[in-house]
Amino acid sequence: MADASQLTQLFQNLIANAIKFRKPEGCPEISVSATRNDDQWVVSLRDNGIGLDMAHSQRIFDIFKRLHTRTAYPGTGIGLAVCKKIVERHGGSIWVESEVGAGTTFFFTLPDHVPAETER
């Protein structure tokens, strides 16, 4: 169980980033998968985009922390911060694995049981 509107926003933000940060010379390819690991689900969203330097792997989840100028890539710099807040509100964690030029994979966990503060 989870807040459907928040999970919708989570996936919308991650998929929008995969499309936005695609390689200019090709079509975006996005793969979503989930595996069960003990008492939680591990969800991954992989793309074939421009990737990012892992030195920035934590910074990208901070509000208004952008890696690119607004002229290069539009946006406000809040999307991944919102993703982190949603995942943590549901009792999970979010992280990224990436390589410049080789795409990015976002991972997040969701427990089988929703924390009480998320229930409506």
PDB file of N, CA and C in Angstrom:
ATOM      1  N   MET A   1       0.839  -1.171   0.000  1.00  0.00           N
ATOM      2  CA  MET A   1       0.000   0.000   0.000  1.00  0.00           C
ATOM      3  C   MET A   1       0.887   1.238   0.000  1.00  0.00           C
ATOM      4  N   ALA A   2       0.445   2.237  -0.745  1.00  0.00           N
ATOM      5  CA  ALA A   2       1.192   3.487  -0.828  1.00  0.00           C
ATOM      6  C   ALA A   2       0.259   4.573  -1.328  1.00  0.00           C
ATOM      7  N   ASP A   3       0.703   5.802  -1.241  1.00  0.00           N
ATOM      8  CA  ASP A   3      -0.067   6.930  -1.739  1.00  0.00           C
ATOM      9  C   ASP A   3       0.076   6.953  -3.265  1.00  0.00           C
ATOM     10  N   ALA A   4      -0.993   6.641  -3.959  1.00  0.00           N
ATOM     11  CA  ALA A   4      -0.956   6.506  -5.422  1.00  0.00           C
ATOM     12  C   ALA A   4      -0.540   7.794  -6.110  1.00  0.00           C
ATOM     13  N   SER A   5      -1.032   8.932  -5.651  1.00  0.00           N
ATOM     14  CA  SER A   5      -0.681  10.192  -6.323  1.00  0.00           C
ATOM     15  C   SER A   5       0.795  10.522  -6.124  1.00  0.00           C
ATOM     16  N   GLN A   6       1.338  10.206  -4.964  1.00  0.00           N
ATOM     17  CA  GLN A   6       2.761  10.456  -4.746  1.00  0.00           C
ATOM     18  C   GLN A   6       3.628   9.520  -5.584  1.00  0.00           C
ATOM     19  N   LEU A   7       3.239   8.257  -5.669  1.00  0.00           N
ATOM     20  CA  LEU A   7       4.021   7.329  -6.502  1.00  0.00           C
ATOM     21  C   LEU A   7       3.917   7.694  -7.972  1.00  0.00           C
ATOM     22  N   THR A   8       2.770   8.192  -8.388  1.00  0.00           N
ATOM     23  CA  THR A   8       2.625   8.676  -9.763  1.00  0.00           C
ATOM     24  C   THR A   8       3.597   9.815 -10.008  1.00  0.00           C
ATOM     25  N   GLN A   9       3.669  10.759  -9.074  1.00  0.00           N
ATOM     26  CA  GLN A   9       4.589  11.878  -9.221  1.00  0.00           C
ATOM     27  C   GLN A   9       6.034  11.407  -9.231  1.00  0.00           C
ATOM     28  N   LEU A  10       6.363  10.436  -8.410  1.00  0.00           N
ATOM     29  CA  LEU A  10       7.711   9.865  -8.368  1.00  0.00           C
ATOM     30  C   LEU A  10       8.107   9.323  -9.741  1.00  0.00           C
ATOM     31  N   PHE A  11       7.250   8.476 -10.313  1.00  0.00           N
ATOM     32  CA  PHE A  11       7.560   7.914 -11.629  1.00  0.00           C
ATOM     33  C   PHE A  11       7.562   8.983 -12.717  1.00  0.00           C
ATOM     34  N   GLN A  12       6.641   9.933 -12.651  1.00  0.00           N
ATOM     35  CA  GLN A  12       6.626  11.011 -13.646  1.00  0.00           C
ATOM     36  C   GLN A  12       7.926  11.791 -13.618  1.00  0.00           C
ATOM     37  N   ASN A  13       8.418  12.131 -12.431  1.00  0.00           N
ATOM     38  CA  ASN A  13       9.667  12.887 -12.324  1.00  0.00           C
ATOM     39  C   ASN A  13      10.857  12.096 -12.863  1.00  0.00           C
ATOM     40  N   LEU A  14      10.947  10.820 -12.498  1.00  0.00           N
ATOM     41  CA  LEU A  14      12.089  10.018 -12.952  1.00  0.00           C
ATOM     42  C   LEU A  14      12.044   9.787 -14.462  1.00  0.00           C
ATOM     43  N   ILE A  15      10.868   9.506 -15.000  1.00  0.00           N
ATOM     44  CA  ILE A  15      10.752   9.292 -16.449  1.00  0.00           C
ATOM     45  C   ILE A  15      10.989  10.592 -17.205  1.00  0.00           C
ATOM     46  N   ALA A  16      10.473  11.712 -16.688  1.00  0.00           N
ATOM     47  CA  ALA A  16      10.711  13.007 -17.341  1.00  0.00           C
ATOM     48  C   ALA A  16      12.199  13.326 -17.385  1.00  0.00           C
ATOM     49  N   ASN A  17      12.932  13.023 -16.309  1.00  0.00           N
ATOM     50  CA  ASN A  17      14.378  13.245 -16.320  1.00  0.00           C
ATOM     51  C   ASN A  17      15.069  12.365 -17.349  1.00  0.00           C
ATOM     52  N   ALA A  18      14.634  11.121 -17.457  1.00  0.00           N
ATOM     53  CA  ALA A  18      15.238  10.217 -18.444  1.00  0.00           C
ATOM     54  C   ALA A  18      15.037  10.752 -19.858  1.00  0.00           C
ATOM     55  N   ILE A  19      13.889  11.332 -20.103  1.00  0.00           N
ATOM     56  CA  ILE A  19      13.619  11.912 -21.430  1.00  0.00           C
ATOM     57  C   ILE A  19      14.398  13.210 -21.615  1.00  0.00           C
ATOM     58  N   LYS A  20      14.380  14.061 -20.608  1.00  0.00           N
ATOM     59  CA  LYS A  20      15.058  15.359 -20.705  1.00  0.00           C
ATOM     60  C   LYS A  20      16.558  15.206 -20.927  1.00  0.00           C
ATOM     61  N   PHE A  21      17.184  14.272 -20.221  1.00  0.00           N
ATOM     62  CA  PHE A  21      18.637  14.117 -20.283  1.00  0.00           C
ATOM     63  C   PHE A  21      19.056  12.996 -21.233  1.00  0.00           C
ATOM     64  N   ARG A  22      18.316  12.868 -22.329  1.00  0.00           N
ATOM     65  CA  ARG A  22      18.658  11.876 -23.349  1.00  0.00           C
ATOM     66  C   ARG A  22      19.850  12.380 -24.166  1.00  0.00           C
ATOM     67  N   LYS A  23      20.477  11.465 -24.875  1.00  0.00           N
ATOM     68  CA  LYS A  23      21.549  11.849 -25.796  1.00  0.00           C
ATOM     69  C   LYS A  23      20.906  12.515 -27.007  1.00  0.00           C
ATOM     70  N   PRO A  24      21.466  13.610 -27.467  1.00  0.00           N
ATOM     71  CA  PRO A  24      20.843  14.327 -28.585  1.00  0.00           C
ATOM     72  C   PRO A  24      20.768  13.515 -29.876  1.00  0.00           C
ATOM     73  N   GLU A  25      21.652  12.557 -30.039  1.00  0.00           N
ATOM     74  CA  GLU A  25      21.709  11.816 -31.297  1.00  0.00           C
ATOM     75  C   GLU A  25      20.841  10.569 -31.342  1.00  0.00           C
ATOM     76  N   GLY A  26      20.111  10.283 -30.281  1.00  0.00           N
ATOM     77  CA  GLY A  26      19.335   9.044 -30.304  1.00  0.00           C
ATOM     78  C   GLY A  26      18.022   9.155 -29.578  1.00  0.00           C
ATOM     79  N   CYS A  27      17.278   8.080 -29.633  1.00  0.00           N
ATOM     80  CA  CYS A  27      15.992   7.994 -28.942  1.00  0.00           C
ATOM     81  C   CYS A  27      16.218   7.515 -27.510  1.00  0.00           C
ATOM     82  N   PRO A  28      15.447   8.056 -26.580  1.00  0.00           N
ATOM     83  CA  PRO A  28      15.594   7.571 -25.209  1.00  0.00           C
ATOM     84  C   PRO A  28      15.059   6.153 -25.065  1.00  0.00           C
ATOM     85  N   GLU A  29      15.763   5.369 -24.297  1.00  0.00           N
ATOM     86  CA  GLU A  29      15.316   4.031 -23.928  1.00  0.00           C
ATOM     87  C   GLU A  29      15.233   3.997 -22.415  1.00  0.00           C
ATOM     88  N   ILE A  30      14.060   3.611 -21.906  1.00  0.00           N
ATOM     89  CA  ILE A  30      13.826   3.619 -20.475  1.00  0.00           C
ATOM     90  C   ILE A  30      13.296   2.248 -20.069  1.00  0.00           C
ATOM     91  N   SER A  31      13.893   1.700 -19.038  1.00  0.00           N
ATOM     92  CA  SER A  31      13.494   0.388 -18.544  1.00  0.00           C
ATOM     93  C   SER A  31      13.162   0.501 -17.062  1.00  0.00           C
ATOM     94  N   VAL A  32      12.002  -0.006 -16.685  1.00  0.00           N
ATOM     95  CA  VAL A  32      11.579   0.005 -15.289  1.00  0.00           C
ATOM     96  C   VAL A  32      11.422  -1.438 -14.831  1.00  0.00           C
ATOM     97  N   SER A  33      11.970  -1.749 -13.667  1.00  0.00           N
ATOM     98  CA  SER A  33      11.821  -3.103 -13.133  1.00  0.00           C
ATOM     99  C   SER A  33      11.721  -3.042 -11.614  1.00  0.00           C
ATOM    100  N   ALA A  34      11.223  -4.113 -11.043  1.00  0.00           N
ATOM    101  CA  ALA A  34      11.114  -4.217  -9.589  1.00  0.00           C
ATOM    102  C   ALA A  34      11.404  -5.647  -9.174  1.00  0.00           C
ATOM    103  N   THR A  35      12.140  -5.781  -8.093  1.00  0.00           N
ATOM    104  CA  THR A  35      12.429  -7.100  -7.539  1.00  0.00           C
ATOM    105  C   THR A  35      12.148  -7.060  -6.041  1.00  0.00           C
ATOM    106  N   ARG A  36      11.705  -8.187  -5.542  1.00  0.00           N
ATOM    107  CA  ARG A  36      11.433  -8.281  -4.107  1.00  0.00           C
ATOM    108  C   ARG A  36      12.701  -8.718  -3.404  1.00  0.00           C
ATOM    109  N   ASN A  37      13.019  -8.020  -2.324  1.00  0.00           N
ATOM    110  CA  ASN A  37      14.209  -8.312  -1.535  1.00  0.00           C
ATOM    111  C   ASN A  37      13.792  -8.327  -0.073  1.00  0.00           C
ATOM    112  N   ASP A  38      13.613  -9.496   0.494  1.00  0.00           N
ATOM    113  CA  ASP A  38      13.138  -9.661   1.866  1.00  0.00           C
ATOM    114  C   ASP A  38      11.791  -8.961   2.058  1.00  0.00           C
ATOM    115  N   ASP A  39      11.743  -7.923   2.897  1.00  0.00           N
ATOM    116  CA  ASP A  39      10.474  -7.265   3.198  1.00  0.00           C
ATOM    117  C   ASP A  39      10.309  -5.935   2.452  1.00  0.00           C
ATOM    118  N   GLN A  40      10.995  -5.792   1.332  1.00  0.00           N
ATOM    119  CA  GLN A  40      10.874  -4.561   0.556  1.00  0.00           C
ATOM    120  C   GLN A  40      10.993  -4.847  -0.933  1.00  0.00           C
ATOM    121  N   TRP A  41      10.576  -3.867  -1.711  1.00  0.00           N
ATOM    122  CA  TRP A  41      10.725  -3.910  -3.157  1.00  0.00           C
ATOM    123  C   TRP A  41      11.840  -2.964  -3.556  1.00  0.00           C
ATOM    124  N   VAL A  42      12.675  -3.389  -4.488  1.00  0.00           N
ATOM    125  CA  VAL A  42      13.710  -2.530  -5.053  1.00  0.00           C
ATOM    126  C   VAL A  42      13.284  -2.240  -6.490  1.00  0.00           C
ATOM    127  N   VAL A  43      13.003  -0.981  -6.758  1.00  0.00           N
ATOM    128  CA  VAL A  43      12.545  -0.546  -8.071  1.00  0.00           C
ATOM    129  C   VAL A  43      13.697   0.170  -8.754  1.00  0.00           C
ATOM    130  N   SER A  44      13.898  -0.112 -10.039  1.00  0.00           N
ATOM    131  CA  SER A  44      14.947   0.583 -10.792  1.00  0.00           C
ATOM    132  C   SER A  44      14.361   1.164 -12.068  1.00  0.00           C
ATOM    133  N   LEU A  45      14.885   2.305 -12.427  1.00  0.00           N
ATOM    134  CA  LEU A  45      14.522   2.972 -13.669  1.00  0.00           C
ATOM    135  C   LEU A  45      15.825   3.317 -14.375  1.00  0.00           C
ATOM    136  N   ARG A  46      16.088   2.624 -15.476  1.00  0.00           N
ATOM    137  CA  ARG A  46      17.356   2.755 -16.210  1.00  0.00           C
ATOM    138  C   ARG A  46      17.112   3.468 -17.525  1.00  0.00           C
ATOM    139  N   ASP A  47      18.058   4.345 -17.893  1.00  0.00           N
ATOM    140  CA  ASP A  47      17.964   5.019 -19.189  1.00  0.00           C
ATOM    141  C   ASP A  47      19.307   4.965 -19.910  1.00  0.00           C
ATOM    142  N   ASN A  48      19.281   5.352 -21.166  1.00  0.00           N
ATOM    143  CA  ASN A  48      20.490   5.364 -21.986  1.00  0.00           C
ATOM    144  C   ASN A  48      20.943   6.799 -22.276  1.00  0.00           C
ATOM    145  N   GLY A  49      20.676   7.700 -21.333  1.00  0.00           N
ATOM    146  CA  GLY A  49      20.936   9.118 -21.537  1.00  0.00           C
ATOM    147  C   GLY A  49      22.382   9.537 -21.352  1.00  0.00           C
ATOM    148  N   ILE A  50      22.540  10.828 -21.037  1.00  0.00           N
ATOM    149  CA  ILE A  50      23.873  11.429 -20.964  1.00  0.00           C
ATOM    150  C   ILE A  50      24.647  11.006 -19.726  1.00  0.00           C
ATOM    151  N   GLY A  51      23.960  10.496 -18.723  1.00  0.00           N
ATOM    152  CA  GLY A  51      24.633  10.070 -17.502  1.00  0.00           C
ATOM    153  C   GLY A  51      25.092  11.256 -16.670  1.00  0.00           C
ATOM    154  N   LEU A  52      25.684  10.941 -15.535  1.00  0.00           N
ATOM    155  CA  LEU A  52      26.217  11.994 -14.672  1.00  0.00           C
ATOM    156  C   LEU A  52      27.431  11.484 -13.933  1.00  0.00           C
ATOM    157  N   ASP A  53      28.261  12.428 -13.519  1.00  0.00           N
ATOM    158  CA  ASP A  53      29.450  12.121 -12.734  1.00  0.00           C
ATOM    159  C   ASP A  53      28.997  11.717 -11.333  1.00  0.00           C
ATOM    160  N   MET A  54      29.406  10.552 -10.875  1.00  0.00           N
ATOM    161  CA  MET A  54      28.975  10.052  -9.574  1.00  0.00           C
ATOM    162  C   MET A  54      29.437  10.934  -8.415  1.00  0.00           C
ATOM    163  N   ALA A  55      30.347  11.858  -8.667  1.00  0.00           N
ATOM    164  CA  ALA A  55      30.743  12.810  -7.625  1.00  0.00           C
ATOM    165  C   ALA A  55      29.554  13.670  -7.207  1.00  0.00           C
ATOM    166  N   HIS A  56      28.532  13.757  -8.059  1.00  0.00           N
ATOM    167  CA  HIS A  56      27.342  14.546  -7.780  1.00  0.00           C
ATOM    168  C   HIS A  56      26.150  13.679  -7.366  1.00  0.00           C
ATOM    169  N   SER A  57      26.385  12.434  -7.045  1.00  0.00           N
ATOM    170  CA  SER A  57      25.284  11.487  -6.829  1.00  0.00           C
ATOM    171  C   SER A  57      24.392  11.831  -5.636  1.00  0.00           C
ATOM    172  N   GLN A  58      24.887  12.522  -4.648  1.00  0.00           N
ATOM    173  CA  GLN A  58      24.041  12.931  -3.521  1.00  0.00           C
ATOM    174  C   GLN A  58      23.476  14.328  -3.736  1.00  0.00           C
ATOM    175  N   ARG A  59      24.248  15.182  -4.360  1.00  0.00           N
ATOM    176  CA  ARG A  59      23.848  16.577  -4.580  1.00  0.00           C
ATOM    177  C   ARG A  59      22.577  16.693  -5.416  1.00  0.00           C
ATOM    178  N   ILE A  60      22.384  15.776  -6.349  1.00  0.00           N
ATOM    179  CA  ILE A  60      21.224  15.880  -7.242  1.00  0.00           C
ATOM    180  C   ILE A  60      19.896  15.740  -6.517  1.00  0.00           C
ATOM    181  N   PHE A  61      19.915  15.205  -5.298  1.00  0.00           N
ATOM    182  CA  PHE A  61      18.682  15.041  -4.530  1.00  0.00           C
ATOM    183  C   PHE A  61      18.393  16.247  -3.627  1.00  0.00           C
ATOM    184  N   ASP A  62      19.279  17.244  -3.635  1.00  0.00           N
ATOM    185  CA  ASP A  62      19.074  18.461  -2.850  1.00  0.00           C
ATOM    186  C   ASP A  62      18.247  19.446  -3.664  1.00  0.00           C
ATOM    187  N   ILE A  63      17.328  20.109  -3.005  1.00  0.00           N
ATOM    188  CA  ILE A  63      16.436  21.039  -3.688  1.00  0.00           C
ATOM    189  C   ILE A  63      17.237  22.198  -4.301  1.00  0.00           C
ATOM    190  N   PHE A  64      16.889  22.548  -5.521  1.00  0.00           N
ATOM    191  CA  PHE A  64      17.483  23.626  -6.310  1.00  0.00           C
ATOM    192  C   PHE A  64      18.952  23.401  -6.667  1.00  0.00           C
ATOM    193  N   LYS A  65      19.476  22.192  -6.506  1.00  0.00           N
ATOM    194  CA  LYS A  65      20.863  21.895  -6.889  1.00  0.00           C
ATOM    195  C   LYS A  65      20.851  21.283  -8.278  1.00  0.00           C
ATOM    196  N   ARG A  66      21.266  22.061  -9.239  1.00  0.00           N
ATOM    197  CA  ARG A  66      21.265  21.633 -10.632  1.00  0.00           C
ATOM    198  C   ARG A  66      22.687  21.333 -11.081  1.00  0.00           C
ATOM    199  N   LEU A  67      22.833  20.391 -11.999  1.00  0.00           N
ATOM    200  CA  LEU A  67      24.148  20.095 -12.568  1.00  0.00           C
ATOM    201  C   LEU A  67      24.372  20.835 -13.878  1.00  0.00           C
ATOM    202  N   HIS A  68      23.300  21.340 -14.470  1.00  0.00           N
ATOM    203  CA  HIS A  68      23.368  21.996 -15.773  1.00  0.00           C
ATOM    204  C   HIS A  68      22.670  23.354 -15.674  1.00  0.00           C
ATOM    205  N   THR A  69      22.999  24.242 -16.595  1.00  0.00           N
ATOM    206  CA  THR A  69      22.324  25.541 -16.625  1.00  0.00           C
ATOM    207  C   THR A  69      20.897  25.372 -17.124  1.00  0.00           C
ATOM    208  N   ARG A  70      20.065  26.355 -16.826  1.00  0.00           N
ATOM    209  CA  ARG A  70      18.676  26.317 -17.295  1.00  0.00           C
ATOM    210  C   ARG A  70      18.586  26.440 -18.803  1.00  0.00           C
ATOM    211  N   THR A  71      19.572  27.068 -19.416  1.00  0.00           N
ATOM    212  CA  THR A  71      19.543  27.177 -20.877  1.00  0.00           C
ATOM    213  C   THR A  71      19.886  25.842 -21.527  1.00  0.00           C
ATOM    214  N   ALA A  72      20.736  25.048 -20.884  1.00  0.00           N
ATOM    215  CA  ALA A  72      21.084  23.732 -21.435  1.00  0.00           C
ATOM    216  C   ALA A  72      19.939  22.739 -21.235  1.00  0.00           C
ATOM    217  N   TYR A  73      19.351  22.728 -20.043  1.00  0.00           N
ATOM    218  CA  TYR A  73      18.256  21.820 -19.711  1.00  0.00           C
ATOM    219  C   TYR A  73      17.271  22.581 -18.825  1.00  0.00           C
ATOM    220  N   PRO A  74      16.039  22.767 -19.278  1.00  0.00           N
ATOM    221  CA  PRO A  74      15.067  23.509 -18.469  1.00  0.00           C
ATOM    222  C   PRO A  74      14.675  22.731 -17.216  1.00  0.00           C
ATOM    223  N   GLY A  75      14.178  23.457 -16.245  1.00  0.00           N
ATOM    224  CA  GLY A  75      13.698  22.832 -15.016  1.00  0.00           C
ATOM    225  C   GLY A  75      13.991  23.699 -13.821  1.00  0.00           C
ATOM    226  N   THR A  76      13.438  23.279 -12.695  1.00  0.00           N
ATOM    227  CA  THR A  76      13.563  24.069 -11.471  1.00  0.00           C
ATOM    228  C   THR A  76      14.585  23.518 -10.487  1.00  0.00           C
ATOM    229  N   GLY A  77      14.974  22.258 -10.649  1.00  0.00           N
ATOM    230  CA  GLY A  77      15.890  21.655  -9.693  1.00  0.00           C
ATOM    231  C   GLY A  77      15.197  21.109  -8.459  1.00  0.00           C
ATOM    232  N   ILE A  78      13.884  20.865  -8.560  1.00  0.00           N
ATOM    233  CA  ILE A  78      13.187  20.303  -7.394  1.00  0.00           C
ATOM    234  C   ILE A  78      12.708  18.866  -7.611  1.00  0.00           C
ATOM    235  N   GLY A  79      12.724  18.386  -8.840  1.00  0.00           N
ATOM    236  CA  GLY A  79      12.153  17.076  -9.157  1.00  0.00           C
ATOM    237  C   GLY A  79      12.738  15.930  -8.357  1.00  0.00           C
ATOM    238  N   LEU A  80      14.066  15.825  -8.308  1.00  0.00           N
ATOM    239  CA  LEU A  80      14.675  14.710  -7.584  1.00  0.00           C
ATOM    240  C   LEU A  80      14.570  14.891  -6.077  1.00  0.00           C
ATOM    241  N   ALA A  81      14.529  16.144  -5.606  1.00  0.00           N
ATOM    242  CA  ALA A  81      14.309  16.387  -4.178  1.00  0.00           C
ATOM    243  C   ALA A  81      12.913  15.902  -3.779  1.00  0.00           C
ATOM    244  N   VAL A  82      11.937  16.133  -4.651  1.00  0.00           N
ATOM    245  CA  VAL A  82      10.578  15.649  -4.409  1.00  0.00           C
ATOM    246  C   VAL A  82      10.565  14.118  -4.408  1.00  0.00           C
ATOM    247  N   CYS A  83      11.279  13.507  -5.346  1.00  0.00           N
ATOM    248  CA  CYS A  83      11.367  12.041  -5.394  1.00  0.00           C
ATOM    249  C   CYS A  83      11.916  11.494  -4.080  1.00  0.00           C
ATOM    250  N   LYS A  84      12.982  12.108  -3.600  1.00  0.00           N
ATOM    251  CA  LYS A  84      13.585  11.655  -2.343  1.00  0.00           C
ATOM    252  C   LYS A  84      12.589  11.774  -1.192  1.00  0.00           C
ATOM    253  N   LYS A  85      11.886  12.886  -1.123  1.00  0.00           N
ATOM    254  CA  LYS A  85      10.909  13.114  -0.055  1.00  0.00           C
ATOM    255  C   LYS A  85       9.795  12.066  -0.105  1.00  0.00           C
ATOM    256  N   ILE A  86       9.303  11.776  -1.300  1.00  0.00           N
ATOM    257  CA  ILE A  86       8.235  10.780  -1.457  1.00  0.00           C
ATOM    258  C   ILE A  86       8.705   9.406  -0.998  1.00  0.00           C
ATOM    259  N   VAL A  87       9.875   8.985  -1.478  1.00  0.00           N
ATOM    260  CA  VAL A  87      10.397   7.663  -1.129  1.00  0.00           C
ATOM    261  C   VAL A  87      10.634   7.557   0.374  1.00  0.00           C
ATOM    262  N   GLU A  88      11.246   8.578   0.952  1.00  0.00           N
ATOM    263  CA  GLU A  88      11.517   8.541   2.388  1.00  0.00           C
ATOM    264  C   GLU A  88      10.224   8.572   3.199  1.00  0.00           C
ATOM    265  N   ARG A  89       9.221   9.290   2.729  1.00  0.00           N
ATOM    266  CA  ARG A  89       7.925   9.331   3.425  1.00  0.00           C
ATOM    267  C   ARG A  89       7.275   7.946   3.450  1.00  0.00           C
ATOM    268  N   HIS A  90       7.590   7.140   2.444  1.00  0.00           N
ATOM    269  CA  HIS A  90       7.051   5.781   2.387  1.00  0.00           C
ATOM    270  C   HIS A  90       7.976   4.771   3.066  1.00  0.00           C
ATOM    271  N   GLY A  91       9.034   5.236   3.720  1.00  0.00           N
ATOM    272  CA  GLY A  91       9.919   4.337   4.459  1.00  0.00           C
ATOM    273  C   GLY A  91      11.009   3.708   3.627  1.00  0.00           C
ATOM    274  N   GLY A  92      11.299   4.282   2.467  1.00  0.00           N
ATOM    275  CA  GLY A  92      12.325   3.731   1.588  1.00  0.00           C
ATOM    276  C   GLY A  92      13.518   4.643   1.441  1.00  0.00           C
ATOM    277  N   SER A  93      14.388   4.293   0.514  1.00  0.00           N
ATOM    278  CA  SER A  93      15.559   5.107   0.202  1.00  0.00           C
ATOM    279  C   SER A  93      15.718   5.153  -1.318  1.00  0.00           C
ATOM    280  N   ILE A  94      16.437   6.172  -1.794  1.00  0.00           N
ATOM    281  CA  ILE A  94      16.650   6.357  -3.225  1.00  0.00           C
ATOM    282  C   ILE A  94      18.115   6.651  -3.468  1.00  0.00           C
ATOM    283  N   TRP A  95      18.643   6.129  -4.571  1.00  0.00           N
ATOM    284  CA  TRP A  95      20.028   6.380  -4.939  1.00  0.00           C
ATOM    285  C   TRP A  95      20.168   6.250  -6.446  1.00  0.00           C
ATOM    286  N   VAL A  96      21.335   6.615  -6.933  1.00  0.00           N
ATOM    287  CA  VAL A  96      21.589   6.618  -8.366  1.00  0.00           C
ATOM    288  C   VAL A  96      22.918   5.940  -8.651  1.00  0.00           C
ATOM    289  N   GLU A  97      22.992   5.295  -9.799  1.00  0.00           N
ATOM    290  CA  GLU A  97      24.243   4.774 -10.346  1.00  0.00           C
ATOM    291  C   GLU A  97      24.311   5.274 -11.775  1.00  0.00           C
ATOM    292  N   SER A  98      25.457   5.812 -12.150  1.00  0.00           N
ATOM    293  CA  SER A  98      25.555   6.408 -13.470  1.00  0.00           C
ATOM    294  C   SER A  98      27.002   6.500 -13.920  1.00  0.00           C
ATOM    295  N   GLU A  99      27.149   6.711 -15.204  1.00  0.00           N
ATOM    296  CA  GLU A  99      28.445   6.969 -15.806  1.00  0.00           C
ATOM    297  C   GLU A  99      28.213   7.975 -16.922  1.00  0.00           C
ATOM    298  N   VAL A 100      29.048   8.998 -16.966  1.00  0.00           N
ATOM    299  CA  VAL A 100      28.902  10.029 -17.992  1.00  0.00           C
ATOM    300  C   VAL A 100      28.922   9.369 -19.368  1.00  0.00           C
ATOM    301  N   GLY A 101      27.902   9.662 -20.168  1.00  0.00           N
ATOM    302  CA  GLY A 101      27.806   9.128 -21.522  1.00  0.00           C
ATOM    303  C   GLY A 101      27.220   7.736 -21.625  1.00  0.00           C
ATOM    304  N   ALA A 102      26.969   7.084 -20.482  1.00  0.00           N
ATOM    305  CA  ALA A 102      26.512   5.690 -20.523  1.00  0.00           C
ATOM    306  C   ALA A 102      25.163   5.472 -19.853  1.00  0.00           C
ATOM    307  N   GLY A 103      24.448   6.542 -19.545  1.00  0.00           N
ATOM    308  CA  GLY A 103      23.127   6.384 -18.958  1.00  0.00           C
ATOM    309  C   GLY A 103      23.128   6.409 -17.448  1.00  0.00           C
ATOM    310  N   THR A 104      21.933   6.338 -16.906  1.00  0.00           N
ATOM    311  CA  THR A 104      21.726   6.464 -15.467  1.00  0.00           C
ATOM    312  C   THR A 104      20.684   5.452 -15.023  1.00  0.00           C
ATOM    313  N   THR A 105      20.877   4.917 -13.827  1.00  0.00           N
ATOM    314  CA  THR A 105      19.867   4.078 -13.203  1.00  0.00           C
ATOM    315  C   THR A 105      19.542   4.642 -11.834  1.00  0.00           C
ATOM    316  N   PHE A 106      18.268   4.957 -11.625  1.00  0.00           N
ATOM    317  CA  PHE A 106      17.786   5.352 -10.313  1.00  0.00           C
ATOM    318  C   PHE A 106      17.180   4.121  -9.662  1.00  0.00           C
ATOM    319  N   PHE A 107      17.491   3.935  -8.405  1.00  0.00           N
ATOM    320  CA  PHE A 107      16.948   2.849  -7.605  1.00  0.00           C
ATOM    321  C   PHE A 107      16.199   3.455  -6.430  1.00  0.00           C
ATOM    322  N   PHE A 108      15.110   2.824  -6.040  1.00  0.00           N
ATOM    323  CA  PHE A 108      14.487   3.186  -4.778  1.00  0.00           C
ATOM    324  C   PHE A 108      13.843   1.958  -4.183  1.00  0.00           C
ATOM    325  N   THR A 109      13.730   1.980  -2.862  1.00  0.00           N
ATOM    326  CA  THR A 109      13.115   0.873  -2.147  1.00  0.00           C
ATOM    327  C   THR A 109      11.779   1.321  -1.583  1.00  0.00           C
ATOM    328  N   LEU A 110      10.860   0.380  -1.522  1.00  0.00           N
ATOM    329  CA  LEU A 110       9.566   0.588  -0.882  1.00  0.00           C
ATOM    330  C   LEU A 110       9.290  -0.634  -0.025  1.00  0.00           C
ATOM    331  N   PRO A 111       9.030  -0.423   1.246  1.00  0.00           N
ATOM    332  CA  PRO A 111       8.736  -1.574   2.115  1.00  0.00           C
ATOM    333  C   PRO A 111       7.366  -2.154   1.794  1.00  0.00           C
ATOM    334  N   ASP A 112       7.175  -3.417   2.152  1.00  0.00           N
ATOM    335  CA  ASP A 112       5.859  -4.039   1.989  1.00  0.00           C
ATOM    336  C   ASP A 112       4.821  -3.354   2.854  1.00  0.00           C
ATOM    337  N   HIS A 113       5.247  -2.838   3.985  1.00  0.00           N
ATOM    338  CA  HIS A 113       4.344  -2.159   4.922  1.00  0.00           C
ATOM    339  C   HIS A 113       4.574  -0.655   4.834  1.00  0.00           C
ATOM    340  N   VAL A 114       3.510   0.108   4.684  1.00  0.00           N
ATOM    341  CA  VAL A 114       3.591   1.566   4.616  1.00  0.00           C
ATOM    342  C   VAL A 114       3.663   2.133   6.030  1.00  0.00           C
ATOM    343  N   PRO A 115       4.608   3.058   6.303  1.00  0.00           N
ATOM    344  CA  PRO A 115       4.657   3.685   7.626  1.00  0.00           C
ATOM    345  C   PRO A 115       3.334   4.375   7.968  1.00  0.00           C
ATOM    346  N   ALA A 116       2.993   4.442   9.237  1.00  0.00           N
ATOM    347  CA  ALA A 116       1.706   4.977   9.678  1.00  0.00           C
ATOM    348  C   ALA A 116       1.459   6.401   9.209  1.00  0.00           C
ATOM    349  N   GLU A 117       2.475   7.250   9.135  1.00  0.00           N
ATOM    350  CA  GLU A 117       2.244   8.641   8.734  1.00  0.00           C
ATOM    351  C   GLU A 117       1.861   8.786   7.270  1.00  0.00           C
ATOM    352  N   THR A 118       2.030   7.751   6.466  1.00  0.00           N
ATOM    353  CA  THR A 118       1.653   7.797   5.062  1.00  0.00           C
ATOM    354  C   THR A 118       0.208   7.345   4.857  1.00  0.00           C
ATOM    355  N   GLU A 119      -0.300   6.521   5.756  1.00  0.00           N
ATOM    356  CA  GLU A 119      -1.651   5.985   5.609  1.00  0.00           C
ATOM    357  C   GLU A 119      -2.673   7.097   5.722  1.00  0.00           C
ATOM    358  N   ARG A 120      -3.755   6.946   4.983  1.00  0.00           N
ATOM    359  CA  ARG A 120      -4.828   7.954   5.034  1.00  0.00           C
ATOM    360  C   ARG A 120      -6.036   7.380   5.682  1.00  0.00           C
TER     361      ARG A 120
END
